Amino acid sequence: MGLRSAFAALIFVVAAPTLAGCEVAPYVYDSGEFNRSSPTFKKEPLDRDTVSICYSRRHTDPETLLRMAQAECGKYDKVARYIEGEYLRCPVIIPAIANFACAAR
C-alpha cells in the first residue's frame, strides 16, 4: 500500500464514524438563500404559499417537521398542510425534505 492510499484509508477511518454520528438540526429550506444578487437576499418573505424543511430521517420525527412548518406558516396567519416528501434535494448529511402548503385558516 502506497503512502497516498494509507493516508486516504486513515482519513476514511477517522471521518466516517464522525460524519455518521453528526446530527444536523432540521431547517427551513430557501433555494436562493445564498444568491446575493437576489432582491430577497437575507429578507423575510412578505407572504408564503409553501414551506420546505430539510431534515434527517434518522434524527427528526414527523411531529417536529409539522411544528416547524406550523410556526413558519403561522407568521403569515396560515396553517401548514403536508404535501409530499422528497429525497436528495438538501445536503447529503440531511438529504430528506418535507414540503408543506401554507393554507388560509
PDB file of N, CA and C in Angstrom:
ATOM      1  N   MET A   1       0.847  -1.167   0.000  1.00  0.00           N
ATOM      2  CA  MET A   1       0.000   0.000   0.000  1.00  0.00           C
ATOM      3  C   MET A   1       0.891   1.227   0.000  1.00  0.00           C
ATOM      4  N   GLY A   2       0.614   2.140  -0.914  1.00  0.00           N
ATOM      5  CA  GLY A   2       1.414   3.351  -1.003  1.00  0.00           C
ATOM      6  C   GLY A   2       1.040   4.350   0.081  1.00  0.00           C
ATOM      7  N   LEU A   3       1.854   5.359   0.200  1.00  0.00           N
ATOM      8  CA  LEU A   3       1.633   6.390   1.211  1.00  0.00           C
ATOM      9  C   LEU A   3       0.304   7.111   0.980  1.00  0.00           C
ATOM     10  N   ARG A   4      -0.012   7.365  -0.273  1.00  0.00           N
ATOM     11  CA  ARG A   4      -1.262   8.048  -0.605  1.00  0.00           C
ATOM     12  C   ARG A   4      -2.462   7.193  -0.216  1.00  0.00           C
ATOM     13  N   SER A   5      -2.427   5.923  -0.504  1.00  0.00           N
ATOM     14  CA  SER A   5      -3.518   5.006  -0.158  1.00  0.00           C
ATOM     15  C   SER A   5      -3.676   4.882   1.354  1.00  0.00           C
ATOM     16  N   ALA A   6      -2.575   4.826   2.049  1.00  0.00           N
ATOM     17  CA  ALA A   6      -2.622   4.728   3.510  1.00  0.00           C
ATOM     18  C   ALA A   6      -3.225   5.990   4.106  1.00  0.00           C
ATOM     19  N   PHE A   7      -2.866   7.128   3.557  1.00  0.00           N
ATOM     20  CA  PHE A   7      -3.418   8.391   4.045  1.00  0.00           C
ATOM     21  C   PHE A   7      -4.924   8.455   3.785  1.00  0.00           C
ATOM     22  N   ALA A   8      -5.362   8.047   2.603  1.00  0.00           N
ATOM     23  CA  ALA A   8      -6.789   8.046   2.264  1.00  0.00           C
ATOM     24  C   ALA A   8      -7.556   7.104   3.191  1.00  0.00           C
ATOM     25  N   ALA A   9      -6.986   5.946   3.469  1.00  0.00           N
ATOM     26  CA  ALA A   9      -7.633   4.990   4.377  1.00  0.00           C
ATOM     27  C   ALA A   9      -7.744   5.575   5.785  1.00  0.00           C
ATOM     28  N   LEU A  10      -6.707   6.257   6.230  1.00  0.00           N
ATOM     29  CA  LEU A  10      -6.727   6.882   7.550  1.00  0.00           C
ATOM     30  C   LEU A  10      -7.817   7.956   7.629  1.00  0.00           C
ATOM     31  N   ILE A  11      -7.911   8.772   6.613  1.00  0.00           N
ATOM     32  CA  ILE A  11      -8.947   9.815   6.579  1.00  0.00           C
ATOM     33  C   ILE A  11     -10.321   9.170   6.632  1.00  0.00           C
ATOM     34  N   PHE A  12     -10.532   8.113   5.866  1.00  0.00           N
ATOM     35  CA  PHE A  12     -11.828   7.432   5.858  1.00  0.00           C
ATOM     36  C   PHE A  12     -12.150   6.852   7.233  1.00  0.00           C
ATOM     37  N   VAL A  13     -11.188   6.212   7.852  1.00  0.00           N
ATOM     38  CA  VAL A  13     -11.403   5.584   9.167  1.00  0.00           C
ATOM     39  C   VAL A  13     -11.749   6.633  10.220  1.00  0.00           C
ATOM     40  N   VAL A  14     -11.155   7.813  10.124  1.00  0.00           N
ATOM     41  CA  VAL A  14     -11.430   8.873  11.095  1.00  0.00           C
ATOM     42  C   VAL A  14     -12.723   9.615  10.753  1.00  0.00           C
ATOM     43  N   ALA A  15     -12.943   9.921   9.482  1.00  0.00           N
ATOM     44  CA  ALA A  15     -14.077  10.753   9.079  1.00  0.00           C
ATOM     45  C   ALA A  15     -15.410  10.011   9.061  1.00  0.00           C
ATOM     46  N   ALA A  16     -15.433   8.763   8.650  1.00  0.00           N
ATOM     47  CA  ALA A  16     -16.696   8.038   8.515  1.00  0.00           C
ATOM     48  C   ALA A  16     -17.480   7.957   9.821  1.00  0.00           C
ATOM     49  N   PRO A  17     -16.893   7.513  10.919  1.00  0.00           N
ATOM     50  CA  PRO A  17     -17.669   7.477  12.158  1.00  0.00           C
ATOM     51  C   PRO A  17     -18.069   8.865  12.652  1.00  0.00           C
ATOM     52  N   THR A  18     -17.218   9.839  12.406  1.00  0.00           N
ATOM     53  CA  THR A  18     -17.529  11.203  12.830  1.00  0.00           C
ATOM     54  C   THR A  18     -18.746  11.724  12.083  1.00  0.00           C
ATOM     55  N   LEU A  19     -18.768  11.571  10.764  1.00  0.00           N
ATOM     56  CA  LEU A  19     -19.900  12.043   9.975  1.00  0.00           C
ATOM     57  C   LEU A  19     -21.153  11.231  10.243  1.00  0.00           C
ATOM     58  N   ALA A  20     -21.013   9.956  10.491  1.00  0.00           N
ATOM     59  CA  ALA A  20     -22.174   9.103  10.760  1.00  0.00           C
ATOM     60  C   ALA A  20     -22.873   9.516  12.036  1.00  0.00           C
ATOM     61  N   GLY A  21     -22.138  10.031  12.992  1.00  0.00           N
ATOM     62  CA  GLY A  21     -22.732  10.424  14.260  1.00  0.00           C
ATOM     63  C   GLY A  21     -23.206  11.863  14.292  1.00  0.00           C
ATOM     64  N   CYS A  22     -22.950  12.617  13.228  1.00  0.00           N
ATOM     65  CA  CYS A  22     -23.343  14.025  13.210  1.00  0.00           C
ATOM     66  C   CYS A  22     -24.848  14.157  13.119  1.00  0.00           C
ATOM     67  N   GLU A  23     -25.356  15.078  13.892  1.00  0.00           N
ATOM     68  CA  GLU A  23     -26.772  15.385  13.809  1.00  0.00           C
ATOM     69  C   GLU A  23     -26.901  16.846  13.445  1.00  0.00           C
ATOM     70  N   VAL A  24     -27.500  17.111  12.301  1.00  0.00           N
ATOM     71  CA  VAL A  24     -27.735  18.473  11.859  1.00  0.00           C
ATOM     72  C   VAL A  24     -29.209  18.760  12.101  1.00  0.00           C
ATOM     73  N   ALA A  25     -29.487  19.851  12.750  1.00  0.00           N
ATOM     74  CA  ALA A  25     -30.871  20.203  13.064  1.00  0.00           C
ATOM     75  C   ALA A  25     -31.651  20.486  11.777  1.00  0.00           C
ATOM     76  N   PRO A  26     -32.930  20.124  11.746  1.00  0.00           N
ATOM     77  CA  PRO A  26     -33.744  20.444  10.570  1.00  0.00           C
ATOM     78  C   PRO A  26     -33.857  21.965  10.420  1.00  0.00           C
ATOM     79  N   TYR A  27     -34.026  22.410   9.171  1.00  0.00           N
ATOM     80  CA  TYR A  27     -34.133  23.850   8.941  1.00  0.00           C
ATOM     81  C   TYR A  27     -35.037  24.123   7.751  1.00  0.00           C
ATOM     82  N   VAL A  28     -35.603  25.330   7.725  1.00  0.00           N
ATOM     83  CA  VAL A  28     -36.450  25.758   6.618  1.00  0.00           C
ATOM     84  C   VAL A  28     -35.546  26.025   5.421  1.00  0.00           C
ATOM     85  N   TYR A  29     -35.859  25.375   4.318  1.00  0.00           N
ATOM     86  CA  TYR A  29     -35.056  25.453   3.099  1.00  0.00           C
ATOM     87  C   TYR A  29     -35.456  26.676   2.278  1.00  0.00           C
ATOM     88  N   ASP A  30     -34.479  27.435   1.857  1.00  0.00           N
ATOM     89  CA  ASP A  30     -34.684  28.574   0.969  1.00  0.00           C
ATOM     90  C   ASP A  30     -33.722  28.399  -0.192  1.00  0.00           C
ATOM     91  N   SER A  31     -34.268  28.095  -1.365  1.00  0.00           N
ATOM     92  CA  SER A  31     -33.421  27.745  -2.509  1.00  0.00           C
ATOM     93  C   SER A  31     -32.447  28.849  -2.908  1.00  0.00           C
ATOM     94  N   GLY A  32     -32.794  30.105  -2.680  1.00  0.00           N
ATOM     95  CA  GLY A  32     -31.907  31.189  -3.089  1.00  0.00           C
ATOM     96  C   GLY A  32     -31.240  31.916  -1.939  1.00  0.00           C
ATOM     97  N   GLU A  33     -31.123  31.258  -0.793  1.00  0.00           N
ATOM     98  CA  GLU A  33     -30.614  31.970   0.378  1.00  0.00           C
ATOM     99  C   GLU A  33     -29.161  32.440   0.252  1.00  0.00           C
ATOM    100  N   PHE A  34     -28.400  31.860  -0.656  1.00  0.00           N
ATOM    101  CA  PHE A  34     -27.011  32.285  -0.827  1.00  0.00           C
ATOM    102  C   PHE A  34     -26.798  33.092  -2.103  1.00  0.00           C
ATOM    103  N   ASN A  35     -27.865  33.427  -2.804  1.00  0.00           N
ATOM    104  CA  ASN A  35     -27.790  34.219  -4.034  1.00  0.00           C
ATOM    105  C   ASN A  35     -27.804  35.704  -3.668  1.00  0.00           C
ATOM    106  N   ARG A  36     -26.633  36.284  -3.567  1.00  0.00           N
ATOM    107  CA  ARG A  36     -26.518  37.674  -3.126  1.00  0.00           C
ATOM    108  C   ARG A  36     -27.133  38.668  -4.105  1.00  0.00           C
ATOM    109  N   SER A  37     -27.333  38.295  -5.362  1.00  0.00           N
ATOM    110  CA  SER A  37     -27.918  39.221  -6.323  1.00  0.00           C
ATOM    111  C   SER A  37     -29.450  39.183  -6.299  1.00  0.00           C
ATOM    112  N   SER A  38     -30.032  38.292  -5.519  1.00  0.00           N
ATOM    113  CA  SER A  38     -31.482  38.210  -5.409  1.00  0.00           C
ATOM    114  C   SER A  38     -32.023  39.400  -4.615  1.00  0.00           C
ATOM    115  N   PRO A  39     -33.146  39.981  -5.058  1.00  0.00           N
ATOM    116  CA  PRO A  39     -33.711  41.111  -4.308  1.00  0.00           C
ATOM    117  C   PRO A  39     -34.234  40.702  -2.929  1.00  0.00           C
ATOM    118  N   THR A  40     -34.439  39.425  -2.705  1.00  0.00           N
ATOM    119  CA  THR A  40     -34.938  38.947  -1.410  1.00  0.00           C
ATOM    120  C   THR A  40     -33.834  38.376  -0.531  1.00  0.00           C
ATOM    121  N   PHE A  41     -32.576  38.570  -0.923  1.00  0.00           N
ATOM    122  CA  PHE A  41     -31.452  38.036  -0.162  1.00  0.00           C
ATOM    123  C   PHE A  41     -31.487  38.551   1.276  1.00  0.00           C
ATOM    124  N   LYS A  42     -31.434  37.617   2.236  1.00  0.00           N
ATOM    125  CA  LYS A  42     -31.408  37.918   3.672  1.00  0.00           C
ATOM    126  C   LYS A  42     -32.638  38.697   4.151  1.00  0.00           C
ATOM    127  N   LYS A  43     -33.770  38.567   3.433  1.00  0.00           N
ATOM    128  CA  LYS A  43     -35.007  39.237   3.837  1.00  0.00           C
ATOM    129  C   LYS A  43     -36.094  38.198   4.086  1.00  0.00           C
ATOM    130  N   GLU A  44     -36.918  38.478   5.063  1.00  0.00           N
ATOM    131  CA  GLU A  44     -38.064  37.619   5.367  1.00  0.00           C
ATOM    132  C   GLU A  44     -39.102  37.804   4.252  1.00  0.00           C
ATOM    133  N   PRO A  45     -39.693  36.698   3.738  1.00  0.00           N
ATOM    134  CA  PRO A  45     -40.713  36.841   2.689  1.00  0.00           C
ATOM    135  C   PRO A  45     -41.925  37.638   3.194  1.00  0.00           C
ATOM    136  N   LEU A  46     -42.577  38.375   2.292  1.00  0.00           N
ATOM    137  CA  LEU A  46     -43.780  39.124   2.654  1.00  0.00           C
ATOM    138  C   LEU A  46     -44.975  38.188   2.839  1.00  0.00           C
ATOM    139  N   ASP A  47     -44.985  37.091   2.098  1.00  0.00           N
ATOM    140  CA  ASP A  47     -46.037  36.079   2.202  1.00  0.00           C
ATOM    141  C   ASP A  47     -45.414  34.741   1.856  1.00  0.00           C
ATOM    142  N   ARG A  48     -46.091  33.669   2.209  1.00  0.00           N
ATOM    143  CA  ARG A  48     -45.553  32.334   1.938  1.00  0.00           C
ATOM    144  C   ARG A  48     -46.698  31.397   1.582  1.00  0.00           C
ATOM    145  N   ASP A  49     -46.567  30.722   0.411  1.00  0.00           N
ATOM    146  CA  ASP A  49     -47.558  29.730  -0.014  1.00  0.00           C
ATOM    147  C   ASP A  49     -47.107  28.315   0.336  1.00  0.00           C
ATOM    148  N   THR A  50     -45.783  28.131   0.383  1.00  0.00           N
ATOM    149  CA  THR A  50     -45.233  26.815   0.707  1.00  0.00           C
ATOM    150  C   THR A  50     -44.042  26.975   1.643  1.00  0.00           C
ATOM    151  N   VAL A  51     -43.726  25.902   2.330  1.00  0.00           N
ATOM    152  CA  VAL A  51     -42.530  25.858   3.159  1.00  0.00           C
ATOM    153  C   VAL A  51     -41.932  24.462   3.017  1.00  0.00           C
ATOM    154  N   SER A  52     -40.620  24.407   2.857  1.00  0.00           N
ATOM    155  CA  SER A  52     -39.905  23.136   2.742  1.00  0.00           C
ATOM    156  C   SER A  52     -38.887  23.057   3.872  1.00  0.00           C
ATOM    157  N   ILE A  53     -38.776  21.876   4.465  1.00  0.00           N
ATOM    158  CA  ILE A  53     -37.873  21.692   5.598  1.00  0.00           C
ATOM    159  C   ILE A  53     -36.912  20.547   5.305  1.00  0.00           C
ATOM    160  N   CYS A  54     -35.613  20.836   5.352  1.00  0.00           N
ATOM    161  CA  CYS A  54     -34.589  19.812   5.192  1.00  0.00           C
ATOM    162  C   CYS A  54     -34.381  19.137   6.541  1.00  0.00           C
ATOM    163  N   TYR A  55     -34.226  17.820   6.513  1.00  0.00           N
ATOM    164  CA  TYR A  55     -34.089  17.088   7.771  1.00  0.00           C
ATOM    165  C   TYR A  55     -33.445  15.729   7.536  1.00  0.00           C
ATOM    166  N   SER A  56     -33.057  15.097   8.626  1.00  0.00           N
ATOM    167  CA  SER A  56     -32.532  13.735   8.588  1.00  0.00           C
ATOM    168  C   SER A  56     -33.631  12.794   9.052  1.00  0.00           C
ATOM    169  N   ARG A  57     -33.915  11.784   8.279  1.00  0.00           N
ATOM    170  CA  ARG A  57     -34.951  10.815   8.661  1.00  0.00           C
ATOM    171  C   ARG A  57     -34.571  10.069   9.933  1.00  0.00           C
ATOM    172  N   ARG A  58     -33.294   9.970  10.190  1.00  0.00           N
ATOM    173  CA  ARG A  58     -32.806   9.274  11.387  1.00  0.00           C
ATOM    174  C   ARG A  58     -33.063  10.026  12.675  1.00  0.00           C
ATOM    175  N   HIS A  59     -32.944  11.361  12.609  1.00  0.00           N
ATOM    176  CA  HIS A  59     -32.935  12.159  13.823  1.00  0.00           C
ATOM    177  C   HIS A  59     -34.146  13.073  14.003  1.00  0.00           C
ATOM    178  N   THR A  60     -35.062  13.096  13.039  1.00  0.00           N
ATOM    179  CA  THR A  60     -36.187  14.024  13.124  1.00  0.00           C
ATOM    180  C   THR A  60     -37.497  13.275  12.988  1.00  0.00           C
ATOM    181  N   ASP A  61     -38.415  13.527  13.908  1.00  0.00           N
ATOM    182  CA  ASP A  61     -39.724  12.866  13.823  1.00  0.00           C
ATOM    183  C   ASP A  61     -40.716  13.778  13.094  1.00  0.00           C
ATOM    184  N   PRO A  62     -41.800  13.201  12.564  1.00  0.00           N
ATOM    185  CA  PRO A  62     -42.788  13.981  11.804  1.00  0.00           C
ATOM    186  C   PRO A  62     -43.416  15.122  12.609  1.00  0.00           C
ATOM    187  N   GLU A  63     -43.570  14.937  13.916  1.00  0.00           N
ATOM    188  CA  GLU A  63     -44.165  15.991  14.747  1.00  0.00           C
ATOM    189  C   GLU A  63     -43.295  17.248  14.753  1.00  0.00           C
ATOM    190  N   THR A  64     -41.985  17.057  14.769  1.00  0.00           N
ATOM    191  CA  THR A  64     -41.064  18.199  14.732  1.00  0.00           C
ATOM    192  C   THR A  64     -41.200  18.950  13.417  1.00  0.00           C
ATOM    193  N   LEU A  65     -41.290  18.215  12.313  1.00  0.00           N
ATOM    194  CA  LEU A  65     -41.447  18.849  10.995  1.00  0.00           C
ATOM    195  C   LEU A  65     -42.743  19.640  10.937  1.00  0.00           C
ATOM    196  N   LEU A  66     -43.832  19.049  11.413  1.00  0.00           N
ATOM    197  CA  LEU A  66     -45.120  19.739  11.385  1.00  0.00           C
ATOM    198  C   LEU A  66     -45.085  20.981  12.273  1.00  0.00           C
ATOM    199  N   ARG A  67     -44.479  20.862  13.441  1.00  0.00           N
ATOM    200  CA  ARG A  67     -44.363  22.002  14.352  1.00  0.00           C
ATOM    201  C   ARG A  67     -43.590  23.149  13.687  1.00  0.00           C
ATOM    202  N   MET A  68     -42.489  22.811  13.022  1.00  0.00           N
ATOM    203  CA  MET A  68     -41.686  23.831  12.337  1.00  0.00           C
ATOM    204  C   MET A  68     -42.472  24.479  11.198  1.00  0.00           C
ATOM    205  N   ALA A  69     -43.176  23.662  10.420  1.00  0.00           N
ATOM    206  CA  ALA A  69     -43.975  24.183   9.304  1.00  0.00           C
ATOM    207  C   ALA A  69     -45.112  25.060   9.827  1.00  0.00           C
ATOM    208  N   GLN A  70     -45.757  24.637  10.922  1.00  0.00           N
ATOM    209  CA  GLN A  70     -46.843  25.436  11.503  1.00  0.00           C
ATOM    210  C   GLN A  70     -46.303  26.785  11.981  1.00  0.00           C
ATOM    211  N   ALA A  71     -45.135  26.783  12.582  1.00  0.00           N
ATOM    212  CA  ALA A  71     -44.540  28.032  13.061  1.00  0.00           C
ATOM    213  C   ALA A  71     -44.229  28.966  11.891  1.00  0.00           C
ATOM    214  N   GLU A  72     -43.684  28.419  10.818  1.00  0.00           N
ATOM    215  CA  GLU A  72     -43.331  29.247   9.660  1.00  0.00           C
ATOM    216  C   GLU A  72     -44.584  29.780   8.963  1.00  0.00           C
ATOM    217  N   CYS A  73     -45.563  28.935   8.731  1.00  0.00           N
ATOM    218  CA  CYS A  73     -46.816  29.373   8.092  1.00  0.00           C
ATOM    219  C   CYS A  73     -47.592  30.310   9.021  1.00  0.00           C
ATOM    220  N   GLY A  74     -47.484  30.074  10.325  1.00  0.00           N
ATOM    221  CA  GLY A  74     -48.181  30.901  11.304  1.00  0.00           C
ATOM    222  C   GLY A  74     -47.750  32.354  11.269  1.00  0.00           C
ATOM    223  N   LYS A  75     -46.542  32.629  10.814  1.00  0.00           N
ATOM    224  CA  LYS A  75     -46.068  34.012  10.688  1.00  0.00           C
ATOM    225  C   LYS A  75     -46.951  34.806   9.730  1.00  0.00           C
ATOM    226  N   TYR A  76     -47.654  34.105   8.839  1.00  0.00           N
ATOM    227  CA  TYR A  76     -48.483  34.729   7.814  1.00  0.00           C
ATOM    228  C   TYR A  76     -49.963  34.417   8.047  1.00  0.00           C
ATOM    229  N   ASP A  77     -50.276  34.035   9.285  1.00  0.00           N
ATOM    230  CA  ASP A  77     -51.645  33.686   9.693  1.00  0.00           C
ATOM    231  C   ASP A  77     -52.216  32.566   8.819  1.00  0.00           C
ATOM    232  N   LYS A  78     -51.384  31.554   8.563  1.00  0.00           N
ATOM    233  CA  LYS A  78     -51.782  30.394   7.766  1.00  0.00           C
ATOM    234  C   LYS A  78     -51.461  29.124   8.544  1.00  0.00           C
ATOM    235  N   VAL A  79     -52.001  28.011   8.074  1.00  0.00           N
ATOM    236  CA  VAL A  79     -51.709  26.708   8.682  1.00  0.00           C
ATOM    237  C   VAL A  79     -50.976  25.834   7.663  1.00  0.00           C
ATOM    238  N   ALA A  80     -50.140  24.949   8.167  1.00  0.00           N
ATOM    239  CA  ALA A  80     -49.348  24.066   7.298  1.00  0.00           C
ATOM    240  C   ALA A  80     -50.116  22.787   7.000  1.00  0.00           C
ATOM    241  N   ARG A  81     -50.064  22.379   5.744  1.00  0.00           N
ATOM    242  CA  ARG A  81     -50.648  21.112   5.297  1.00  0.00           C
ATOM    243  C   ARG A  81     -49.565  20.348   4.531  1.00  0.00           C
ATOM    244  N   TYR A  82     -49.318  19.125   4.958  1.00  0.00           N
ATOM    245  CA  TYR A  82     -48.264  18.311   4.330  1.00  0.00           C
ATOM    246  C   TYR A  82     -48.635  18.027   2.873  1.00  0.00           C
ATOM    247  N   ILE A  83     -47.658  18.196   1.973  1.00  0.00           N
ATOM    248  CA  ILE A  83     -47.854  17.903   0.549  1.00  0.00           C
ATOM    249  C   ILE A  83     -47.154  16.601   0.180  1.00  0.00           C
ATOM    250  N   GLU A  84     -45.807  16.598   0.324  1.00  0.00           N
ATOM    251  CA  GLU A  84     -45.017  15.429  -0.064  1.00  0.00           C
ATOM    252  C   GLU A  84     -43.610  15.527   0.505  1.00  0.00           C
ATOM    253  N   GLY A  85     -42.928  14.413   0.469  1.00  0.00           N
ATOM    254  CA  GLY A  85     -41.528  14.359   0.853  1.00  0.00           C
ATOM    255  C   GLY A  85     -40.686  14.025  -0.358  1.00  0.00           C
ATOM    256  N   GLU A  86     -39.460  14.492  -0.363  1.00  0.00           N
ATOM    257  CA  GLU A  86     -38.517  14.202  -1.439  1.00  0.00           C
ATOM    258  C   GLU A  86     -37.198  13.800  -0.820  1.00  0.00           C
ATOM    259  N   TYR A  87     -36.320  13.315  -1.644  1.00  0.00           N
ATOM    260  CA  TYR A  87     -35.020  12.857  -1.175  1.00  0.00           C
ATOM    261  C   TYR A  87     -33.933  13.420  -2.072  1.00  0.00           C
ATOM    262  N   LEU A  88     -32.810  13.760  -1.489  1.00  0.00           N
ATOM    263  CA  LEU A  88     -31.612  14.255  -2.179  1.00  0.00           C
ATOM    264  C   LEU A  88     -31.786  15.631  -2.810  1.00  0.00           C
ATOM    265  N   ARG A  89     -32.617  16.494  -2.227  1.00  0.00           N
ATOM    266  CA  ARG A  89     -32.690  17.881  -2.661  1.00  0.00           C
ATOM    267  C   ARG A  89     -31.922  18.786  -1.701  1.00  0.00           C
ATOM    268  N   CYS A  90     -31.651  18.287  -0.523  1.00  0.00           N
ATOM    269  CA  CYS A  90     -30.907  19.019   0.507  1.00  0.00           C
ATOM    270  C   CYS A  90     -29.495  18.440   0.586  1.00  0.00           C
ATOM    271  N   PRO A  91     -28.630  19.019   1.413  1.00  0.00           N
ATOM    272  CA  PRO A  91     -27.270  18.488   1.545  1.00  0.00           C
ATOM    273  C   PRO A  91     -27.258  17.006   1.945  1.00  0.00           C
ATOM    274  N   VAL A  92     -26.211  16.314   1.570  1.00  0.00           N
ATOM    275  CA  VAL A  92     -26.100  14.870   1.772  1.00  0.00           C
ATOM    276  C   VAL A  92     -26.243  14.465   3.241  1.00  0.00           C
ATOM    277  N   ILE A  93     -25.784  15.295   4.156  1.00  0.00           N
ATOM    278  CA  ILE A  93     -25.840  14.922   5.567  1.00  0.00           C
ATOM    279  C   ILE A  93     -27.285  14.919   6.090  1.00  0.00           C
ATOM    280  N   ILE A  94     -28.175  15.714   5.477  1.00  0.00           N
ATOM    281  CA  ILE A  94     -29.607  15.685   5.800  1.00  0.00           C
ATOM    282  C   ILE A  94     -30.385  15.723   4.484  1.00  0.00           C
ATOM    283  N   PRO A  95     -30.445  14.612   3.775  1.00  0.00           N
ATOM    284  CA  PRO A  95     -30.922  14.597   2.396  1.00  0.00           C
ATOM    285  C   PRO A  95     -32.436  14.640   2.180  1.00  0.00           C
ATOM    286  N   ALA A  96     -33.234  14.499   3.211  1.00  0.00           N
ATOM    287  CA  ALA A  96     -34.685  14.470   3.025  1.00  0.00           C
ATOM    288  C   ALA A  96     -35.267  15.872   3.131  1.00  0.00           C
ATOM    289  N   ILE A  97     -36.390  16.079   2.436  1.00  0.00           N
ATOM    290  CA  ILE A  97     -37.078  17.372   2.503  1.00  0.00           C
ATOM    291  C   ILE A  97     -38.579  17.101   2.582  1.00  0.00           C
ATOM    292  N   ALA A  98     -39.250  17.825   3.444  1.00  0.00           N
ATOM    293  CA  ALA A  98     -40.691  17.730   3.590  1.00  0.00           C
ATOM    294  C   ALA A  98     -41.301  19.037   3.075  1.00  0.00           C
ATOM    295  N   ASN A  99     -42.278  18.921   2.185  1.00  0.00           N
ATOM    296  CA  ASN A  99     -42.916  20.093   1.602  1.00  0.00           C
ATOM    297  C   ASN A  99     -44.317  20.267   2.169  1.00  0.00           C
ATOM    298  N   PHE A 100     -44.630  21.498   2.561  1.00  0.00           N
ATOM    299  CA  PHE A 100     -45.927  21.836   3.128  1.00  0.00           C
ATOM    300  C   PHE A 100     -46.519  23.005   2.372  1.00  0.00           C
ATOM    301  N   ALA A 101     -47.843  23.039   2.275  1.00  0.00           N
ATOM    302  CA  ALA A 101     -48.550  24.201   1.758  1.00  0.00           C
ATOM    303  C   ALA A 101     -48.954  25.055   2.942  1.00  0.00           C
ATOM    304  N   CYS A 102     -48.881  26.348   2.783  1.00  0.00           N
ATOM    305  CA  CYS A 102     -49.365  27.268   3.799  1.00  0.00           C
ATOM    306  C   CYS A 102     -50.765  27.706   3.347  1.00  0.00           C
ATOM    307  N   ALA A 103     -51.775  27.175   4.007  1.00  0.00           N
ATOM    308  CA  ALA A 103     -53.166  27.409   3.619  1.00  0.00           C
ATOM    309  C   ALA A 103     -53.835  28.397   4.568  1.00  0.00           C
ATOM    310  N   ALA A 104     -54.835  29.099   4.045  1.00  0.00           N
ATOM    311  CA  ALA A 104     -55.590  30.042   4.883  1.00  0.00           C
ATOM    312  C   ALA A 104     -56.290  29.292   5.990  1.00  0.00           C
ATOM    313  N   ARG A 105     -56.457  29.951   7.131  1.00  0.00           N
ATOM    314  CA  ARG A 105     -57.139  29.324   8.281  1.00  0.00           C
ATOM    315  C   ARG A 105     -58.595  29.140   8.032  1.00  0.00           C
TER     316      ARG A 105
END
